[in-house]
Amino acid sequence: MKHLNEIIPGHTTFNRSFLDLLTRIFVYDPKKRITAKEALKHPWFREAYEDDGTEADKIRMERERQAAAEARTQQRR
C-alpha cells in the first residue's frame, strides 16, 4: 500500500495542507482523530489553490458550485 505522500505530491502549499488534513482525518483512534468541526476549520479549506494537474481543480470547482448553491438557497429564504 502506498503512503499518501506518494499519491499526492507535497510540492505545493495546497497539497501539503491537504496531506496534513488527510493525515489528521485518517487516524484510527477516534480520541486522537480530528473531529468534523475541527476538520472544517482546517486551513486547507481557506487555501488558495494552484492547479498542478492533480485533483485540485476539480475540488476547487466543486467547492465553488456548493457555495453558489448555498447562496441561492439563502436568497430564496
PDB file of N, CA and C in Angstrom:
ATOM      1  N   MET A   1       0.838  -1.170   0.000  1.00  0.00           N
ATOM      2  CA  MET A   1       0.000   0.000   0.000  1.00  0.00           C
ATOM      3  C   MET A   1       0.892   1.245   0.000  1.00  0.00           C
ATOM      4  N   LYS A   2       0.513   2.192  -0.831  1.00  0.00           N
ATOM      5  CA  LYS A   2       1.281   3.430  -0.931  1.00  0.00           C
ATOM      6  C   LYS A   2       0.930   4.378   0.209  1.00  0.00           C
ATOM      7  N   HIS A   3       1.881   5.213   0.591  1.00  0.00           N
ATOM      8  CA  HIS A   3       1.649   6.274   1.554  1.00  0.00           C
ATOM      9  C   HIS A   3       0.992   7.443   0.833  1.00  0.00           C
ATOM     10  N   LEU A   4       0.249   8.253   1.591  1.00  0.00           N
ATOM     11  CA  LEU A   4      -0.441   9.392   0.984  1.00  0.00           C
ATOM     12  C   LEU A   4       0.501  10.306   0.218  1.00  0.00           C
ATOM     13  N   ASN A   5       1.690  10.549   0.779  1.00  0.00           N
ATOM     14  CA  ASN A   5       2.617  11.460   0.101  1.00  0.00           C
ATOM     15  C   ASN A   5       3.175  10.880  -1.194  1.00  0.00           C
ATOM     16  N   GLU A   6       2.948   9.592  -1.436  1.00  0.00           N
ATOM     17  CA  GLU A   6       3.328   9.004  -2.716  1.00  0.00           C
ATOM     18  C   GLU A   6       2.209   9.184  -3.746  1.00  0.00           C
ATOM     19  N   ILE A   7       0.992   9.363  -3.262  1.00  0.00           N
ATOM     20  CA  ILE A   7      -0.166   9.536  -4.139  1.00  0.00           C
ATOM     21  C   ILE A   7      -0.402  11.017  -4.435  1.00  0.00           C
ATOM     22  N   ILE A   8      -0.273  11.840  -3.387  1.00  0.00           N
ATOM     23  CA  ILE A   8      -0.477  13.285  -3.512  1.00  0.00           C
ATOM     24  C   ILE A   8       0.872  13.958  -3.299  1.00  0.00           C
ATOM     25  N   PRO A   9       1.465  14.481  -4.342  1.00  0.00           N
ATOM     26  CA  PRO A   9       2.782  15.097  -4.189  1.00  0.00           C
ATOM     27  C   PRO A   9       2.704  16.342  -3.310  1.00  0.00           C
ATOM     28  N   GLY A  10       3.612  16.458  -2.354  1.00  0.00           N
ATOM     29  CA  GLY A  10       3.595  17.579  -1.425  1.00  0.00           C
ATOM     30  C   GLY A  10       4.448  18.741  -1.874  1.00  0.00           C
ATOM     31  N   HIS A  11       4.504  19.002  -3.157  1.00  0.00           N
ATOM     32  CA  HIS A  11       5.381  20.053  -3.669  1.00  0.00           C
ATOM     33  C   HIS A  11       4.744  21.443  -3.680  1.00  0.00           C
ATOM     34  N   THR A  12       3.475  21.547  -3.280  1.00  0.00           N
ATOM     35  CA  THR A  12       2.834  22.860  -3.186  1.00  0.00           C
ATOM     36  C   THR A  12       2.256  23.031  -1.782  1.00  0.00           C
ATOM     37  N   THR A  13       2.043  24.264  -1.384  1.00  0.00           N
ATOM     38  CA  THR A  13       1.437  24.543  -0.085  1.00  0.00           C
ATOM     39  C   THR A  13       0.043  23.933  -0.014  1.00  0.00           C
ATOM     40  N   PHE A  14      -0.693  24.041  -1.118  1.00  0.00           N
ATOM     41  CA  PHE A  14      -2.047  23.483  -1.189  1.00  0.00           C
ATOM     42  C   PHE A  14      -2.018  21.983  -0.895  1.00  0.00           C
ATOM     43  N   ASN A  15      -1.128  21.253  -1.558  1.00  0.00           N
ATOM     44  CA  ASN A  15      -1.047  19.810  -1.359  1.00  0.00           C
ATOM     45  C   ASN A  15      -0.552  19.452   0.029  1.00  0.00           C
ATOM     46  N   ARG A  16       0.432  20.193   0.540  1.00  0.00           N
ATOM     47  CA  ARG A  16       0.939  19.909   1.889  1.00  0.00           C
ATOM     48  C   ARG A  16      -0.161  20.107   2.919  1.00  0.00           C
ATOM     49  N   SER A  17      -0.956  21.140   2.757  1.00  0.00           N
ATOM     50  CA  SER A  17      -2.068  21.387   3.670  1.00  0.00           C
ATOM     51  C   SER A  17      -3.114  20.277   3.550  1.00  0.00           C
ATOM     52  N   PHE A  18      -3.384  19.837   2.321  1.00  0.00           N
ATOM     53  CA  PHE A  18      -4.328  18.746   2.087  1.00  0.00           C
ATOM     54  C   PHE A  18      -3.826  17.451   2.720  1.00  0.00           C
ATOM     55  N   LEU A  19      -2.553  17.168   2.570  1.00  0.00           N
ATOM     56  CA  LEU A  19      -1.964  15.976   3.191  1.00  0.00           C
ATOM     57  C   LEU A  19      -2.077  16.040   4.707  1.00  0.00           C
ATOM     58  N   ASP A  20      -1.855  17.211   5.275  1.00  0.00           N
ATOM     59  CA  ASP A  20      -1.987  17.372   6.721  1.00  0.00           C
ATOM     60  C   ASP A  20      -3.415  17.070   7.163  1.00  0.00           C
ATOM     61  N   LEU A  21      -4.388  17.604   6.447  1.00  0.00           N
ATOM     62  CA  LEU A  21      -5.793  17.356   6.773  1.00  0.00           C
ATOM     63  C   LEU A  21      -6.110  15.865   6.694  1.00  0.00           C
ATOM     64  N   LEU A  22      -5.713  15.234   5.605  1.00  0.00           N
ATOM     65  CA  LEU A  22      -5.989  13.806   5.452  1.00  0.00           C
ATOM     66  C   LEU A  22      -5.318  12.973   6.536  1.00  0.00           C
ATOM     67  N   THR A  23      -4.108  13.335   6.883  1.00  0.00           N
ATOM     68  CA  THR A  23      -3.389  12.618   7.931  1.00  0.00           C
ATOM     69  C   THR A  23      -4.146  12.709   9.254  1.00  0.00           C
ATOM     70  N   ARG A  24      -4.734  13.851   9.532  1.00  0.00           N
ATOM     71  CA  ARG A  24      -5.496  14.026  10.770  1.00  0.00           C
ATOM     72  C   ARG A  24      -6.844  13.303  10.718  1.00  0.00           C
ATOM     73  N   ILE A  25      -7.423  13.192   9.538  1.00  0.00           N
ATOM     74  CA  ILE A  25      -8.707  12.509   9.380  1.00  0.00           C
ATOM     75  C   ILE A  25      -8.536  10.988   9.481  1.00  0.00           C
ATOM     76  N   PHE A  26      -7.470  10.463   8.908  1.00  0.00           N
ATOM     77  CA  PHE A  26      -7.274   9.019   8.827  1.00  0.00           C
ATOM     78  C   PHE A  26      -6.587   8.411  10.051  1.00  0.00           C
ATOM     79  N   VAL A  27      -6.802   8.996  11.210  1.00  0.00           N
ATOM     80  CA  VAL A  27      -6.267   8.440  12.452  1.00  0.00           C
ATOM     81  C   VAL A  27      -7.246   7.387  12.941  1.00  0.00           C
ATOM     82  N   TYR A  28      -6.746   6.201  13.248  1.00  0.00           N
ATOM     83  CA  TYR A  28      -7.608   5.087  13.640  1.00  0.00           C
ATOM     84  C   TYR A  28      -8.311   5.350  14.968  1.00  0.00           C
ATOM     85  N   ASP A  29      -7.590   5.844  15.966  1.00  0.00           N
ATOM     86  CA  ASP A  29      -8.149   6.072  17.299  1.00  0.00           C
ATOM     87  C   ASP A  29      -9.040   7.313  17.277  1.00  0.00           C
ATOM     88  N   PRO A  30     -10.357   7.148  17.507  1.00  0.00           N
ATOM     89  CA  PRO A  30     -11.263   8.293  17.437  1.00  0.00           C
ATOM     90  C   PRO A  30     -10.943   9.391  18.446  1.00  0.00           C
ATOM     91  N   LYS A  31     -10.301   9.042  19.561  1.00  0.00           N
ATOM     92  CA  LYS A  31      -9.942  10.053  20.558  1.00  0.00           C
ATOM     93  C   LYS A  31      -8.821  10.951  20.048  1.00  0.00           C
ATOM     94  N   LYS A  32      -8.027  10.457  19.108  1.00  0.00           N
ATOM     95  CA  LYS A  32      -6.907  11.218  18.555  1.00  0.00           C
ATOM     96  C   LYS A  32      -7.238  11.826  17.193  1.00  0.00           C
ATOM     97  N   ARG A  33      -8.318  11.352  16.575  1.00  0.00           N
ATOM     98  CA  ARG A  33      -8.713  11.805  15.235  1.00  0.00           C
ATOM     99  C   ARG A  33      -9.326  13.199  15.311  1.00  0.00           C
ATOM    100  N   ILE A  34      -9.124  13.996  14.283  1.00  0.00           N
ATOM    101  CA  ILE A  34      -9.728  15.321  14.171  1.00  0.00           C
ATOM    102  C   ILE A  34     -11.249  15.154  14.041  1.00  0.00           C
ATOM    103  N   THR A  35     -12.005  16.037  14.690  1.00  0.00           N
ATOM    104  CA  THR A  35     -13.464  15.975  14.567  1.00  0.00           C
ATOM    105  C   THR A  35     -13.894  16.630  13.257  1.00  0.00           C
ATOM    106  N   ALA A  36     -15.133  16.419  12.889  1.00  0.00           N
ATOM    107  CA  ALA A  36     -15.652  17.032  11.659  1.00  0.00           C
ATOM    108  C   ALA A  36     -15.600  18.556  11.757  1.00  0.00           C
ATOM    109  N   LYS A  37     -15.980  19.101  12.909  1.00  0.00           N
ATOM    110  CA  LYS A  37     -15.953  20.559  13.078  1.00  0.00           C
ATOM    111  C   LYS A  37     -14.522  21.092  12.988  1.00  0.00           C
ATOM    112  N   GLU A  38     -13.580  20.376  13.608  1.00  0.00           N
ATOM    113  CA  GLU A  38     -12.180  20.778  13.534  1.00  0.00           C
ATOM    114  C   GLU A  38     -11.670  20.690  12.093  1.00  0.00           C
ATOM    115  N   ALA A  39     -12.079  19.623  11.415  1.00  0.00           N
ATOM    116  CA  ALA A  39     -11.639  19.433  10.026  1.00  0.00           C
ATOM    117  C   ALA A  39     -12.110  20.583   9.141  1.00  0.00           C
ATOM    118  N   LEU A  40     -13.343  21.018   9.346  1.00  0.00           N
ATOM    119  CA  LEU A  40     -13.878  22.109   8.532  1.00  0.00           C
ATOM    120  C   LEU A  40     -13.187  23.441   8.809  1.00  0.00           C
ATOM    121  N   LYS A  41     -12.523  23.554   9.935  1.00  0.00           N
ATOM    122  CA  LYS A  41     -11.778  24.773  10.268  1.00  0.00           C
ATOM    123  C   LYS A  41     -10.316  24.684   9.822  1.00  0.00           C
ATOM    124  N   HIS A  42      -9.944  23.558   9.235  1.00  0.00           N
ATOM    125  CA  HIS A  42      -8.559  23.354   8.809  1.00  0.00           C
ATOM    126  C   HIS A  42      -8.189  24.387   7.740  1.00  0.00           C
ATOM    127  N   PRO A  43      -6.969  24.883   7.769  1.00  0.00           N
ATOM    128  CA  PRO A  43      -6.527  25.906   6.799  1.00  0.00           C
ATOM    129  C   PRO A  43      -6.676  25.487   5.336  1.00  0.00           C
ATOM    130  N   TRP A  44      -6.698  24.202   5.047  1.00  0.00           N
ATOM    131  CA  TRP A  44      -6.823  23.759   3.652  1.00  0.00           C
ATOM    132  C   TRP A  44      -8.094  24.300   3.000  1.00  0.00           C
ATOM    133  N   PHE A  45      -9.162  24.432   3.779  1.00  0.00           N
ATOM    134  CA  PHE A  45     -10.418  24.922   3.215  1.00  0.00           C
ATOM    135  C   PHE A  45     -10.365  26.405   2.869  1.00  0.00           C
ATOM    136  N   ARG A  46      -9.368  27.116   3.372  1.00  0.00           N
ATOM    137  CA  ARG A  46      -9.206  28.539   3.042  1.00  0.00           C
ATOM    138  C   ARG A  46      -8.027  28.758   2.100  1.00  0.00           C
ATOM    139  N   GLU A  47      -7.390  27.697   1.725  1.00  0.00           N
ATOM    140  CA  GLU A  47      -6.178  27.754   0.903  1.00  0.00           C
ATOM    141  C   GLU A  47      -6.506  28.166  -0.531  1.00  0.00           C
ATOM    142  N   ALA A  48      -5.732  29.051  -1.062  1.00  0.00           N
ATOM    143  CA  ALA A  48      -5.847  29.392  -2.483  1.00  0.00           C
ATOM    144  C   ALA A  48      -5.162  28.271  -3.254  1.00  0.00           C
ATOM    145  N   TYR A  49      -5.813  27.761  -4.231  1.00  0.00           N
ATOM    146  CA  TYR A  49      -5.263  26.619  -4.939  1.00  0.00           C
ATOM    147  C   TYR A  49      -4.471  27.061  -6.159  1.00  0.00           C
ATOM    148  N   GLU A  50      -3.658  26.165  -6.574  1.00  0.00           N
ATOM    149  CA  GLU A  50      -2.895  26.373  -7.793  1.00  0.00           C
ATOM    150  C   GLU A  50      -2.960  25.040  -8.539  1.00  0.00           C
ATOM    151  N   ASP A  51      -3.512  25.050  -9.735  1.00  0.00           N
ATOM    152  CA  ASP A  51      -3.708  23.805 -10.480  1.00  0.00           C
ATOM    153  C   ASP A  51      -2.366  23.242 -10.908  1.00  0.00           C
ATOM    154  N   ASP A  52      -2.065  22.079 -10.371  1.00  0.00           N
ATOM    155  CA  ASP A  52      -0.805  21.424 -10.706  1.00  0.00           C
ATOM    156  C   ASP A  52      -1.052  20.141 -11.489  1.00  0.00           C
ATOM    157  N   GLY A  53      -2.259  20.028 -12.036  1.00  0.00           N
ATOM    158  CA  GLY A  53      -2.581  18.862 -12.831  1.00  0.00           C
ATOM    159  C   GLY A  53      -3.158  17.719 -12.021  1.00  0.00           C
ATOM    160  N   THR A  54      -3.384  17.919 -10.727  1.00  0.00           N
ATOM    161  CA  THR A  54      -3.973  16.875  -9.899  1.00  0.00           C
ATOM    162  C   THR A  54      -5.468  17.150  -9.755  1.00  0.00           C
ATOM    163  N   GLU A  55      -6.051  16.666  -8.710  1.00  0.00           N
ATOM    164  CA  GLU A  55      -7.482  16.845  -8.472  1.00  0.00           C
ATOM    165  C   GLU A  55      -7.821  18.221  -7.908  1.00  0.00           C
ATOM    166  N   ALA A  56      -6.835  19.067  -7.694  1.00  0.00           N
ATOM    167  CA  ALA A  56      -7.061  20.363  -7.057  1.00  0.00           C
ATOM    168  C   ALA A  56      -8.116  21.178  -7.799  1.00  0.00           C
ATOM    169  N   ASP A  57      -8.066  21.200  -9.117  1.00  0.00           N
ATOM    170  CA  ASP A  57      -9.015  21.994  -9.894  1.00  0.00           C
ATOM    171  C   ASP A  57     -10.432  21.475  -9.704  1.00  0.00           C
ATOM    172  N   LYS A  58     -10.604  20.170  -9.721  1.00  0.00           N
ATOM    173  CA  LYS A  58     -11.934  19.583  -9.530  1.00  0.00           C
ATOM    174  C   LYS A  58     -12.469  19.897  -8.139  1.00  0.00           C
ATOM    175  N   ILE A  59     -11.616  19.831  -7.128  1.00  0.00           N
ATOM    176  CA  ILE A  59     -12.019  20.127  -5.757  1.00  0.00           C
ATOM    177  C   ILE A  59     -12.448  21.582  -5.645  1.00  0.00           C
ATOM    178  N   ARG A  60     -11.666  22.492  -6.217  1.00  0.00           N
ATOM    179  CA  ARG A  60     -11.987  23.917  -6.162  1.00  0.00           C
ATOM    180  C   ARG A  60     -13.312  24.200  -6.855  1.00  0.00           C
ATOM    181  N   MET A  61     -13.510  23.617  -8.020  1.00  0.00           N
ATOM    182  CA  MET A  61     -14.742  23.855  -8.769  1.00  0.00           C
ATOM    183  C   MET A  61     -15.951  23.333  -7.996  1.00  0.00           C
ATOM    184  N   GLU A  62     -15.811  22.185  -7.360  1.00  0.00           N
ATOM    185  CA  GLU A  62     -16.910  21.627  -6.579  1.00  0.00           C
ATOM    186  C   GLU A  62     -17.229  22.528  -5.385  1.00  0.00           C
ATOM    187  N   ARG A  63     -16.207  23.043  -4.719  1.00  0.00           N
ATOM    188  CA  ARG A  63     -16.432  23.961  -3.595  1.00  0.00           C
ATOM    189  C   ARG A  63     -17.149  25.218  -4.075  1.00  0.00           C
ATOM    190  N   GLU A  64     -16.765  25.734  -5.219  1.00  0.00           N
ATOM    191  CA  GLU A  64     -17.415  26.930  -5.763  1.00  0.00           C
ATOM    192  C   GLU A  64     -18.877  26.650  -6.112  1.00  0.00           C
ATOM    193  N   ARG A  65     -19.154  25.486  -6.691  1.00  0.00           N
ATOM    194  CA  ARG A  65     -20.540  25.109  -7.009  1.00  0.00           C
ATOM    195  C   ARG A  65     -21.377  25.016  -5.740  1.00  0.00           C
ATOM    196  N   GLN A  66     -20.825  24.390  -4.709  1.00  0.00           N
ATOM    197  CA  GLN A  66     -21.550  24.255  -3.447  1.00  0.00           C
ATOM    198  C   GLN A  66     -21.825  25.618  -2.819  1.00  0.00           C
ATOM    199  N   ALA A  67     -20.835  26.492  -2.839  1.00  0.00           N
ATOM    200  CA  ALA A  67     -21.012  27.833  -2.277  1.00  0.00           C
ATOM    201  C   ALA A  67     -22.086  28.595  -3.042  1.00  0.00           C
ATOM    202  N   ALA A  68     -22.091  28.487  -4.353  1.00  0.00           N
ATOM    203  CA  ALA A  68     -23.094  29.169  -5.173  1.00  0.00           C
ATOM    204  C   ALA A  68     -24.490  28.615  -4.888  1.00  0.00           C
ATOM    205  N   ALA A  69     -24.595  27.308  -4.744  1.00  0.00           N
ATOM    206  CA  ALA A  69     -25.887  26.687  -4.448  1.00  0.00           C
ATOM    207  C   ALA A  69     -26.391  27.125  -3.074  1.00  0.00           C
ATOM    208  N   GLU A  70     -25.513  27.203  -2.106  1.00  0.00           N
ATOM    209  CA  GLU A  70     -25.890  27.659  -0.772  1.00  0.00           C
ATOM    210  C   GLU A  70     -26.331  29.115  -0.805  1.00  0.00           C
ATOM    211  N   ALA A  71     -25.652  29.929  -1.575  1.00  0.00           N
ATOM    212  CA  ALA A  71     -26.016  31.348  -1.702  1.00  0.00           C
ATOM    213  C   ALA A  71     -27.406  31.489  -2.324  1.00  0.00           C
ATOM    214  N   ARG A  72     -27.677  30.691  -3.348  1.00  0.00           N
ATOM    215  CA  ARG A  72     -29.013  30.744  -3.981  1.00  0.00           C
ATOM    216  C   ARG A  72     -30.081  30.319  -2.995  1.00  0.00           C
ATOM    217  N   THR A  73     -29.803  29.296  -2.190  1.00  0.00           N
ATOM    218  CA  THR A  73     -30.767  28.824  -1.197  1.00  0.00           C
ATOM    219  C   THR A  73     -31.042  29.913  -0.162  1.00  0.00           C
ATOM    220  N   GLN A  74     -29.995  30.600   0.272  1.00  0.00           N
ATOM    221  CA  GLN A  74     -30.151  31.681   1.259  1.00  0.00           C
ATOM    222  C   GLN A  74     -30.950  32.841   0.678  1.00  0.00           C
ATOM    223  N   GLN A  75     -30.776  33.125  -0.605  1.00  0.00           N
ATOM    224  CA  GLN A  75     -31.502  34.238  -1.231  1.00  0.00           C
ATOM    225  C   GLN A  75     -32.994  33.938  -1.326  1.00  0.00           C
ATOM    226  N   ARG A  76     -33.339  32.681  -1.493  1.00  0.00           N
ATOM    227  CA  ARG A  76     -34.739  32.285  -1.633  1.00  0.00           C
ATOM    228  C   ARG A  76     -35.483  32.360  -0.309  1.00  0.00           C
ATOM    229  N   ARG A  77     -34.773  32.348   0.792  1.00  0.00           N
ATOM    230  CA  ARG A  77     -35.434  32.350   2.116  1.00  0.00           C
ATOM    231  C   ARG A  77     -35.858  33.714   2.518  1.00  0.00           C
TER     232      ARG A  77
END
